[in-house]
Amino acid sequence: MGYLREPETIAVPRLPNLEPDQFWFVVRASGHEEELRAWVASLNDPASPDYDPMAWAVASAKLDFAKFFERDHPLVEAAREALGMTPQELDDLWAYASA
């Protein structure tokens, strides 16, 4: 069937970037703000197994000063994993925030 593409060639729609107010709305509305901030703080805590001062500098600067948030940004993915969310859970929240 020449009109059907192979599954691996089908493009997955990319979720839009979020403005800071959209991002923080969904973080707060979903109850993840405290967890997110605690994870970022743990990156700068020498007693934490996540200790990485350079990662903390990047993460804290991004969260505090970003002009937009990208769903596929490595920091967003790291935060998702740290918060124990599935990719689908984050995608659903992201889509909700962008609506």
PDB file of N, CA and C in Angstrom:
ATOM      1  N   MET A   1       0.854  -1.175   0.000  1.00  0.00           N
ATOM      2  CA  MET A   1       0.000   0.000   0.000  1.00  0.00           C
ATOM      3  C   MET A   1       0.892   1.227   0.000  1.00  0.00           C
ATOM      4  N   GLY A   2       1.082   1.801  -1.127  1.00  0.00           N
ATOM      5  CA  GLY A   2       2.006   2.902  -1.277  1.00  0.00           C
ATOM      6  C   GLY A   2       1.596   4.195  -0.600  1.00  0.00           C
ATOM      7  N   TYR A   3       0.345   4.360  -0.258  1.00  0.00           N
ATOM      8  CA  TYR A   3      -0.091   5.624   0.330  1.00  0.00           C
ATOM      9  C   TYR A   3       0.104   5.679   1.840  1.00  0.00           C
ATOM     10  N   LEU A   4       0.429   4.571   2.475  1.00  0.00           N
ATOM     11  CA  LEU A   4       0.666   4.560   3.919  1.00  0.00           C
ATOM     12  C   LEU A   4       2.162   4.637   4.188  1.00  0.00           C
ATOM     13  N   ARG A   5       2.524   5.481   5.127  1.00  0.00           N
ATOM     14  CA  ARG A   5       3.929   5.570   5.521  1.00  0.00           C
ATOM     15  C   ARG A   5       4.207   4.543   6.603  1.00  0.00           C
ATOM     16  N   GLU A   6       5.445   4.139   6.670  1.00  0.00           N
ATOM     17  CA  GLU A   6       5.870   3.245   7.741  1.00  0.00           C
ATOM     18  C   GLU A   6       5.749   3.997   9.064  1.00  0.00           C
ATOM     19  N   PRO A   7       5.383   3.311  10.155  1.00  0.00           N
ATOM     20  CA  PRO A   7       5.187   3.982  11.446  1.00  0.00           C
ATOM     21  C   PRO A   7       6.372   4.826  11.888  1.00  0.00           C
ATOM     22  N   GLU A   8       7.614   4.382  11.637  1.00  0.00           N
ATOM     23  CA  GLU A   8       8.766   5.134  12.102  1.00  0.00           C
ATOM     24  C   GLU A   8       8.964   6.452  11.352  1.00  0.00           C
ATOM     25  N   THR A   9       8.268   6.654  10.237  1.00  0.00           N
ATOM     26  CA  THR A   9       8.426   7.899   9.487  1.00  0.00           C
ATOM     27  C   THR A   9       7.311   8.899   9.773  1.00  0.00           C
ATOM     28  N   ILE A  10       6.347   8.516  10.578  1.00  0.00           N
ATOM     29  CA  ILE A  10       5.244   9.420  10.897  1.00  0.00           C
ATOM     30  C   ILE A  10       5.719  10.417  11.947  1.00  0.00           C
ATOM     31  N   ALA A  11       5.602  11.685  11.626  1.00  0.00           N
ATOM     32  CA  ALA A  11       6.053  12.731  12.549  1.00  0.00           C
ATOM     33  C   ALA A  11       5.065  12.882  13.701  1.00  0.00           C
ATOM     34  N   VAL A  12       5.608  12.938  14.896  1.00  0.00           N
ATOM     35  CA  VAL A  12       4.791  13.172  16.080  1.00  0.00           C
ATOM     36  C   VAL A  12       4.662  14.681  16.246  1.00  0.00           C
ATOM     37  N   PRO A  13       3.443  15.185  16.393  1.00  0.00           N
ATOM     38  CA  PRO A  13       3.293  16.630  16.548  1.00  0.00           C
ATOM     39  C   PRO A  13       4.075  17.125  17.764  1.00  0.00           C
ATOM     40  N   ARG A  14       4.793  18.201  17.575  1.00  0.00           N
ATOM     41  CA  ARG A  14       5.590  18.789  18.646  1.00  0.00           C
ATOM     42  C   ARG A  14       4.682  19.681  19.477  1.00  0.00           C
ATOM     43  N   LEU A  15       4.834  19.588  20.781  1.00  0.00           N
ATOM     44  CA  LEU A  15       4.047  20.452  21.661  1.00  0.00           C
ATOM     45  C   LEU A  15       4.626  21.858  21.614  1.00  0.00           C
ATOM     46  N   PRO A  16       3.780  22.875  21.691  1.00  0.00           N
ATOM     47  CA  PRO A  16       4.267  24.255  21.591  1.00  0.00           C
ATOM     48  C   PRO A  16       5.067  24.663  22.826  1.00  0.00           C
ATOM     49  N   ASN A  17       5.897  25.672  22.642  1.00  0.00           N
ATOM     50  CA  ASN A  17       6.595  26.254  23.787  1.00  0.00           C
ATOM     51  C   ASN A  17       5.566  26.907  24.694  1.00  0.00           C
ATOM     52  N   LEU A  18       5.880  26.945  25.981  1.00  0.00           N
ATOM     53  CA  LEU A  18       5.008  27.609  26.949  1.00  0.00           C
ATOM     54  C   LEU A  18       5.634  28.922  27.392  1.00  0.00           C
ATOM     55  N   GLU A  19       4.808  29.930  27.529  1.00  0.00           N
ATOM     56  CA  GLU A  19       5.233  31.187  28.141  1.00  0.00           C
ATOM     57  C   GLU A  19       5.411  30.913  29.634  1.00  0.00           C
ATOM     58  N   PRO A  20       6.213  31.722  30.333  1.00  0.00           N
ATOM     59  CA  PRO A  20       6.412  31.484  31.770  1.00  0.00           C
ATOM     60  C   PRO A  20       5.118  31.399  32.574  1.00  0.00           C
ATOM     61  N   ASP A  21       4.135  32.244  32.264  1.00  0.00           N
ATOM     62  CA  ASP A  21       2.887  32.181  33.035  1.00  0.00           C
ATOM     63  C   ASP A  21       2.144  30.874  32.786  1.00  0.00           C
ATOM     64  N   GLN A  22       2.190  30.351  31.568  1.00  0.00           N
ATOM     65  CA  GLN A  22       1.553  29.069  31.271  1.00  0.00           C
ATOM     66  C   GLN A  22       2.272  27.929  31.993  1.00  0.00           C
ATOM     67  N   PHE A  23       3.596  27.965  31.943  1.00  0.00           N
ATOM     68  CA  PHE A  23       4.402  26.931  32.596  1.00  0.00           C
ATOM     69  C   PHE A  23       4.139  26.905  34.089  1.00  0.00           C
ATOM     70  N   TRP A  24       4.259  28.068  34.741  1.00  0.00           N
ATOM     71  CA  TRP A  24       4.090  28.109  36.194  1.00  0.00           C
ATOM     72  C   TRP A  24       2.647  27.842  36.602  1.00  0.00           C
ATOM     73  N   PHE A  25       1.679  28.209  35.766  1.00  0.00           N
ATOM     74  CA  PHE A  25       0.283  27.875  36.061  1.00  0.00           C
ATOM     75  C   PHE A  25       0.116  26.368  36.185  1.00  0.00           C
ATOM     76  N   VAL A  26       0.605  25.631  35.182  1.00  0.00           N
ATOM     77  CA  VAL A  26       0.380  24.186  35.188  1.00  0.00           C
ATOM     78  C   VAL A  26       1.220  23.497  36.264  1.00  0.00           C
ATOM     79  N   VAL A  27       2.403  24.024  36.551  1.00  0.00           N
ATOM     80  CA  VAL A  27       3.210  23.459  37.644  1.00  0.00           C
ATOM     81  C   VAL A  27       2.463  23.625  38.963  1.00  0.00           C
ATOM     82  N   ARG A  28       1.937  24.810  39.193  1.00  0.00           N
ATOM     83  CA  ARG A  28       1.224  25.078  40.448  1.00  0.00           C
ATOM     84  C   ARG A  28      -0.115  24.352  40.506  1.00  0.00           C
ATOM     85  N   ALA A  29      -0.877  24.400  39.424  1.00  0.00           N
ATOM     86  CA  ALA A  29      -2.205  23.776  39.412  1.00  0.00           C
ATOM     87  C   ALA A  29      -2.117  22.257  39.572  1.00  0.00           C
ATOM     88  N   SER A  30      -1.022  21.672  39.110  1.00  0.00           N
ATOM     89  CA  SER A  30      -0.858  20.219  39.221  1.00  0.00           C
ATOM     90  C   SER A  30      -0.221  19.806  40.548  1.00  0.00           C
ATOM     91  N   GLY A  31       0.137  20.788  41.363  1.00  0.00           N
ATOM     92  CA  GLY A  31       0.693  20.496  42.679  1.00  0.00           C
ATOM     93  C   GLY A  31       2.155  20.094  42.684  1.00  0.00           C
ATOM     94  N   HIS A  32       2.894  20.468  41.639  1.00  0.00           N
ATOM     95  CA  HIS A  32       4.294  20.057  41.534  1.00  0.00           C
ATOM     96  C   HIS A  32       5.302  21.160  41.839  1.00  0.00           C
ATOM     97  N   GLU A  33       4.850  22.349  42.215  1.00  0.00           N
ATOM     98  CA  GLU A  33       5.809  23.441  42.410  1.00  0.00           C
ATOM     99  C   GLU A  33       6.815  23.132  43.516  1.00  0.00           C
ATOM    100  N   GLU A  34       6.338  22.687  44.658  1.00  0.00           N
ATOM    101  CA  GLU A  34       7.246  22.414  45.779  1.00  0.00           C
ATOM    102  C   GLU A  34       8.256  21.324  45.416  1.00  0.00           C
ATOM    103  N   GLU A  35       7.775  20.264  44.772  1.00  0.00           N
ATOM    104  CA  GLU A  35       8.662  19.175  44.340  1.00  0.00           C
ATOM    105  C   GLU A  35       9.704  19.662  43.343  1.00  0.00           C
ATOM    106  N   LEU A  36       9.262  20.477  42.387  1.00  0.00           N
ATOM    107  CA  LEU A  36      10.171  20.988  41.367  1.00  0.00           C
ATOM    108  C   LEU A  36      11.252  21.857  41.996  1.00  0.00           C
ATOM    109  N   ARG A  37      10.847  22.765  42.857  1.00  0.00           N
ATOM    110  CA  ARG A  37      11.827  23.645  43.509  1.00  0.00           C
ATOM    111  C   ARG A  37      12.762  22.851  44.424  1.00  0.00           C
ATOM    112  N   ALA A  38      12.252  21.824  45.090  1.00  0.00           N
ATOM    113  CA  ALA A  38      13.095  20.985  45.950  1.00  0.00           C
ATOM    114  C   ALA A  38      14.125  20.223  45.118  1.00  0.00           C
ATOM    115  N   TRP A  39      13.706  19.729  43.961  1.00  0.00           N
ATOM    116  CA  TRP A  39      14.652  19.029  43.086  1.00  0.00           C
ATOM    117  C   TRP A  39      15.756  19.972  42.631  1.00  0.00           C
ATOM    118  N   VAL A  40      15.387  21.178  42.205  1.00  0.00           N
ATOM    119  CA  VAL A  40      16.399  22.148  41.771  1.00  0.00           C
ATOM    120  C   VAL A  40      17.340  22.472  42.933  1.00  0.00           C
ATOM    121  N   ALA A  41      16.797  22.690  44.116  1.00  0.00           N
ATOM    122  CA  ALA A  41      17.634  22.987  45.286  1.00  0.00           C
ATOM    123  C   ALA A  41      18.579  21.825  45.594  1.00  0.00           C
ATOM    124  N   SER A  42      18.127  20.592  45.385  1.00  0.00           N
ATOM    125  CA  SER A  42      18.973  19.425  45.672  1.00  0.00           C
ATOM    126  C   SER A  42      20.207  19.388  44.781  1.00  0.00           C
ATOM    127  N   LEU A  43      20.120  20.010  43.626  1.00  0.00           N
ATOM    128  CA  LEU A  43      21.267  20.048  42.720  1.00  0.00           C
ATOM    129  C   LEU A  43      22.411  20.881  43.291  1.00  0.00           C
ATOM    130  N   ASN A  44      22.104  21.750  44.251  1.00  0.00           N
ATOM    131  CA  ASN A  44      23.114  22.613  44.866  1.00  0.00           C
ATOM    132  C   ASN A  44      23.389  22.223  46.318  1.00  0.00           C
ATOM    133  N   ASP A  45      22.977  21.038  46.710  1.00  0.00           N
ATOM    134  CA  ASP A  45      23.162  20.557  48.082  1.00  0.00           C
ATOM    135  C   ASP A  45      24.220  19.452  48.088  1.00  0.00           C
ATOM    136  N   PRO A  46      25.409  19.727  48.669  1.00  0.00           N
ATOM    137  CA  PRO A  46      26.475  18.715  48.669  1.00  0.00           C
ATOM    138  C   PRO A  46      26.068  17.388  49.316  1.00  0.00           C
ATOM    139  N   ALA A  47      25.086  17.401  50.185  1.00  0.00           N
ATOM    140  CA  ALA A  47      24.635  16.164  50.834  1.00  0.00           C
ATOM    141  C   ALA A  47      23.676  15.354  49.957  1.00  0.00           C
ATOM    142  N   SER A  48      23.229  15.929  48.862  1.00  0.00           N
ATOM    143  CA  SER A  48      22.260  15.261  47.989  1.00  0.00           C
ATOM    144  C   SER A  48      22.957  14.356  46.978  1.00  0.00           C
ATOM    145  N   PRO A  49      22.362  13.201  46.676  1.00  0.00           N
ATOM    146  CA  PRO A  49      22.933  12.353  45.623  1.00  0.00           C
ATOM    147  C   PRO A  49      22.831  13.011  44.237  1.00  0.00           C
ATOM    148  N   ASP A  50      21.974  14.030  44.110  1.00  0.00           N
ATOM    149  CA  ASP A  50      21.814  14.746  42.841  1.00  0.00           C
ATOM    150  C   ASP A  50      22.761  15.936  42.713  1.00  0.00           C
ATOM    151  N   TYR A  51      23.647  16.126  43.694  1.00  0.00           N
ATOM    152  CA  TYR A  51      24.513  17.310  43.740  1.00  0.00           C
ATOM    153  C   TYR A  51      25.257  17.533  42.428  1.00  0.00           C
ATOM    154  N   ASP A  52      25.037  18.693  41.838  1.00  0.00           N
ATOM    155  CA  ASP A  52      25.703  19.092  40.600  1.00  0.00           C
ATOM    156  C   ASP A  52      25.538  20.603  40.484  1.00  0.00           C
ATOM    157  N   PRO A  53      26.499  21.383  41.013  1.00  0.00           N
ATOM    158  CA  PRO A  53      26.346  22.837  41.030  1.00  0.00           C
ATOM    159  C   PRO A  53      26.168  23.465  39.650  1.00  0.00           C
ATOM    160  N   MET A  54      26.773  22.877  38.627  1.00  0.00           N
ATOM    161  CA  MET A  54      26.591  23.421  37.276  1.00  0.00           C
ATOM    162  C   MET A  54      25.159  23.169  36.795  1.00  0.00           C
ATOM    163  N   ALA A  55      24.642  21.988  37.057  1.00  0.00           N
ATOM    164  CA  ALA A  55      23.251  21.703  36.691  1.00  0.00           C
ATOM    165  C   ALA A  55      22.306  22.608  37.469  1.00  0.00           C
ATOM    166  N   TRP A  56      22.619  22.866  38.741  1.00  0.00           N
ATOM    167  CA  TRP A  56      21.796  23.781  39.536  1.00  0.00           C
ATOM    168  C   TRP A  56      21.796  25.169  38.913  1.00  0.00           C
ATOM    169  N   ALA A  57      22.982  25.659  38.502  1.00  0.00           N
ATOM    170  CA  ALA A  57      23.073  26.994  37.904  1.00  0.00           C
ATOM    171  C   ALA A  57      22.200  27.086  36.650  1.00  0.00           C
ATOM    172  N   VAL A  58      22.257  26.068  35.826  1.00  0.00           N
ATOM    173  CA  VAL A  58      21.448  26.049  34.602  1.00  0.00           C
ATOM    174  C   VAL A  58      19.964  25.961  34.946  1.00  0.00           C
ATOM    175  N   ALA A  59      19.604  25.015  35.808  1.00  0.00           N
ATOM    176  CA  ALA A  59      18.193  24.788  36.137  1.00  0.00           C
ATOM    177  C   ALA A  59      17.570  25.990  36.828  1.00  0.00           C
ATOM    178  N   SER A  60      18.263  26.549  37.801  1.00  0.00           N
ATOM    179  CA  SER A  60      17.682  27.684  38.524  1.00  0.00           C
ATOM    180  C   SER A  60      17.567  28.907  37.628  1.00  0.00           C
ATOM    181  N   ALA A  61      18.553  29.135  36.771  1.00  0.00           N
ATOM    182  CA  ALA A  61      18.474  30.265  35.842  1.00  0.00           C
ATOM    183  C   ALA A  61      17.323  30.072  34.853  1.00  0.00           C
ATOM    184  N   LYS A  62      17.182  28.864  34.335  1.00  0.00           N
ATOM    185  CA  LYS A  62      16.099  28.582  33.378  1.00  0.00           C
ATOM    186  C   LYS A  62      14.736  28.791  34.033  1.00  0.00           C
ATOM    187  N   LEU A  63      14.549  28.246  35.228  1.00  0.00           N
ATOM    188  CA  LEU A  63      13.250  28.375  35.885  1.00  0.00           C
ATOM    189  C   LEU A  63      12.935  29.819  36.257  1.00  0.00           C
ATOM    190  N   ASP A  64      13.951  30.569  36.652  1.00  0.00           N
ATOM    191  CA  ASP A  64      13.722  31.947  37.093  1.00  0.00           C
ATOM    192  C   ASP A  64      13.634  32.960  35.955  1.00  0.00           C
ATOM    193  N   PHE A  65      14.346  32.718  34.856  1.00  0.00           N
ATOM    194  CA  PHE A  65      14.477  33.776  33.851  1.00  0.00           C
ATOM    195  C   PHE A  65      14.107  33.388  32.423  1.00  0.00           C
ATOM    196  N   ALA A  66      13.608  32.195  32.210  1.00  0.00           N
ATOM    197  CA  ALA A  66      13.284  31.761  30.847  1.00  0.00           C
ATOM    198  C   ALA A  66      12.208  32.638  30.225  1.00  0.00           C
ATOM    199  N   LYS A  67      12.371  32.922  28.957  1.00  0.00           N
ATOM    200  CA  LYS A  67      11.349  33.654  28.197  1.00  0.00           C
ATOM    201  C   LYS A  67      10.296  32.686  27.663  1.00  0.00           C
ATOM    202  N   PHE A  68      10.655  31.403  27.600  1.00  0.00           N
ATOM    203  CA  PHE A  68       9.725  30.351  27.203  1.00  0.00           C
ATOM    204  C   PHE A  68      10.287  29.018  27.672  1.00  0.00           C
ATOM    205  N   PHE A  69       9.431  28.000  27.691  1.00  0.00           N
ATOM    206  CA  PHE A  69       9.819  26.650  28.094  1.00  0.00           C
ATOM    207  C   PHE A  69       9.508  25.698  26.951  1.00  0.00           C
ATOM    208  N   GLU A  70      10.482  24.854  26.603  1.00  0.00           N
ATOM    209  CA  GLU A  70      10.346  23.887  25.525  1.00  0.00           C
ATOM    210  C   GLU A  70      10.103  22.498  26.114  1.00  0.00           C
ATOM    211  N   ARG A  71       9.108  21.801  25.603  1.00  0.00           N
ATOM    212  CA  ARG A  71       8.791  20.464  26.120  1.00  0.00           C
ATOM    213  C   ARG A  71       9.959  19.507  25.945  1.00  0.00           C
ATOM    214  N   ASP A  72      10.697  19.641  24.846  1.00  0.00           N
ATOM    215  CA  ASP A  72      11.779  18.698  24.581  1.00  0.00           C
ATOM    216  C   ASP A  72      13.142  19.169  25.104  1.00  0.00           C
ATOM    217  N   HIS A  73      13.165  20.192  25.957  1.00  0.00           N
ATOM    218  CA  HIS A  73      14.422  20.673  26.541  1.00  0.00           C
ATOM    219  C   HIS A  73      14.942  19.633  27.542  1.00  0.00           C
ATOM    220  N   PRO A  74      16.248  19.378  27.560  1.00  0.00           N
ATOM    221  CA  PRO A  74      16.799  18.390  28.500  1.00  0.00           C
ATOM    222  C   PRO A  74      16.469  18.683  29.965  1.00  0.00           C
ATOM    223  N   LEU A  75      16.397  19.941  30.343  1.00  0.00           N
ATOM    224  CA  LEU A  75      16.041  20.281  31.723  1.00  0.00           C
ATOM    225  C   LEU A  75      14.610  19.858  32.038  1.00  0.00           C
ATOM    226  N   VAL A  76      13.710  20.068  31.108  1.00  0.00           N
ATOM    227  CA  VAL A  76      12.310  19.676  31.311  1.00  0.00           C
ATOM    228  C   VAL A  76      12.217  18.159  31.451  1.00  0.00           C
ATOM    229  N   GLU A  77      12.967  17.450  30.637  1.00  0.00           N
ATOM    230  CA  GLU A  77      12.959  15.987  30.721  1.00  0.00           C
ATOM    231  C   GLU A  77      13.565  15.512  32.040  1.00  0.00           C
ATOM    232  N   ALA A  78      14.653  16.133  32.469  1.00  0.00           N
ATOM    233  CA  ALA A  78      15.270  15.763  33.753  1.00  0.00           C
ATOM    234  C   ALA A  78      14.312  16.032  34.910  1.00  0.00           C
ATOM    235  N   ALA A  79      13.615  17.155  34.856  1.00  0.00           N
ATOM    236  CA  ALA A  79      12.647  17.484  35.907  1.00  0.00           C
ATOM    237  C   ALA A  79      11.500  16.478  35.909  1.00  0.00           C
ATOM    238  N   ARG A  80      11.032  16.103  34.727  1.00  0.00           N
ATOM    239  CA  ARG A  80       9.958  15.107  34.629  1.00  0.00           C
ATOM    240  C   ARG A  80      10.372  13.810  35.317  1.00  0.00           C
ATOM    241  N   GLU A  81      11.574  13.361  35.022  1.00  0.00           N
ATOM    242  CA  GLU A  81      12.065  12.126  35.632  1.00  0.00           C
ATOM    243  C   GLU A  81      12.205  12.279  37.141  1.00  0.00           C
ATOM    244  N   ALA A  82      12.740  13.417  37.577  1.00  0.00           N
ATOM    245  CA  ALA A  82      12.930  13.652  39.014  1.00  0.00           C
ATOM    246  C   ALA A  82      11.599  13.681  39.759  1.00  0.00           C
ATOM    247  N   LEU A  83      10.549  14.154  39.091  1.00  0.00           N
ATOM    248  CA  LEU A  83       9.231  14.231  39.715  1.00  0.00           C
ATOM    249  C   LEU A  83       8.447  12.925  39.581  1.00  0.00           C
ATOM    250  N   GLY A  84       9.020  11.958  38.875  1.00  0.00           N
ATOM    251  CA  GLY A  84       8.368  10.658  38.735  1.00  0.00           C
ATOM    252  C   GLY A  84       7.164  10.670  37.816  1.00  0.00           C
ATOM    253  N   MET A  85       7.157  11.582  36.863  1.00  0.00           N
ATOM    254  CA  MET A  85       6.046  11.666  35.913  1.00  0.00           C
ATOM    255  C   MET A  85       6.366  10.850  34.664  1.00  0.00           C
ATOM    256  N   THR A  86       5.335  10.305  34.052  1.00  0.00           N
ATOM    257  CA  THR A  86       5.530   9.635  32.770  1.00  0.00           C
ATOM    258  C   THR A  86       5.578  10.701  31.676  1.00  0.00           C
ATOM    259  N   PRO A  87       6.168  10.376  30.525  1.00  0.00           N
ATOM    260  CA  PRO A  87       6.145  11.336  29.423  1.00  0.00           C
ATOM    261  C   PRO A  87       4.717  11.746  29.054  1.00  0.00           C
ATOM    262  N   GLN A  88       3.788  10.790  29.079  1.00  0.00           N
ATOM    263  CA  GLN A  88       2.406  11.111  28.720  1.00  0.00           C
ATOM    264  C   GLN A  88       1.765  12.065  29.720  1.00  0.00           C
ATOM    265  N   GLU A  89       2.044  11.883  31.007  1.00  0.00           N
ATOM    266  CA  GLU A  89       1.505  12.800  32.019  1.00  0.00           C
ATOM    267  C   GLU A  89       1.985  14.224  31.766  1.00  0.00           C
ATOM    268  N   LEU A  90       3.282  14.362  31.479  1.00  0.00           N
ATOM    269  CA  LEU A  90       3.802  15.704  31.216  1.00  0.00           C
ATOM    270  C   LEU A  90       3.239  16.260  29.915  1.00  0.00           C
ATOM    271  N   ASP A  91       3.146  15.437  28.888  1.00  0.00           N
ATOM    272  CA  ASP A  91       2.563  15.893  27.624  1.00  0.00           C
ATOM    273  C   ASP A  91       1.136  16.390  27.827  1.00  0.00           C
ATOM    274  N   ASP A  92       0.365  15.673  28.624  1.00  0.00           N
ATOM    275  CA  ASP A  92      -1.018  16.083  28.887  1.00  0.00           C
ATOM    276  C   ASP A  92      -1.071  17.423  29.609  1.00  0.00           C
ATOM    277  N   LEU A  93      -0.222  17.596  30.619  1.00  0.00           N
ATOM    278  CA  LEU A  93      -0.177  18.881  31.329  1.00  0.00           C
ATOM    279  C   LEU A  93       0.286  19.991  30.399  1.00  0.00           C
ATOM    280  N   TRP A  94       1.269  19.698  29.566  1.00  0.00           N
ATOM    281  CA  TRP A  94       1.810  20.689  28.630  1.00  0.00           C
ATOM    282  C   TRP A  94       0.723  21.134  27.649  1.00  0.00           C
ATOM    283  N   ALA A  95       0.003  20.169  27.115  1.00  0.00           N
ATOM    284  CA  ALA A  95      -1.080  20.485  26.173  1.00  0.00           C
ATOM    285  C   ALA A  95      -2.168  21.307  26.859  1.00  0.00           C
ATOM    286  N   TYR A  96      -2.493  20.962  28.088  1.00  0.00           N
ATOM    287  CA  TYR A  96      -3.498  21.713  28.849  1.00  0.00           C
ATOM    288  C   TYR A  96      -3.049  23.157  29.047  1.00  0.00           C
ATOM    289  N   ALA A  97      -1.785  23.335  29.416  1.00  0.00           N
ATOM    290  CA  ALA A  97      -1.269  24.684  29.658  1.00  0.00           C
ATOM    291  C   ALA A  97      -1.245  25.519  28.389  1.00  0.00           C
ATOM    292  N   SER A  98      -1.048  24.876  27.255  1.00  0.00           N
ATOM    293  CA  SER A  98      -0.939  25.624  25.998  1.00  0.00           C
ATOM    294  C   SER A  98      -2.292  25.949  25.375  1.00  0.00           C
ATOM    295  N   ALA A  99      -3.352  25.357  25.900  1.00  0.00           N
ATOM    296  CA  ALA A  99      -4.691  25.563  25.316  1.00  0.00           C
ATOM    297  C   ALA A  99      -5.251  26.932  25.649  1.00  0.00           C
TER     298      ALA A  99
END
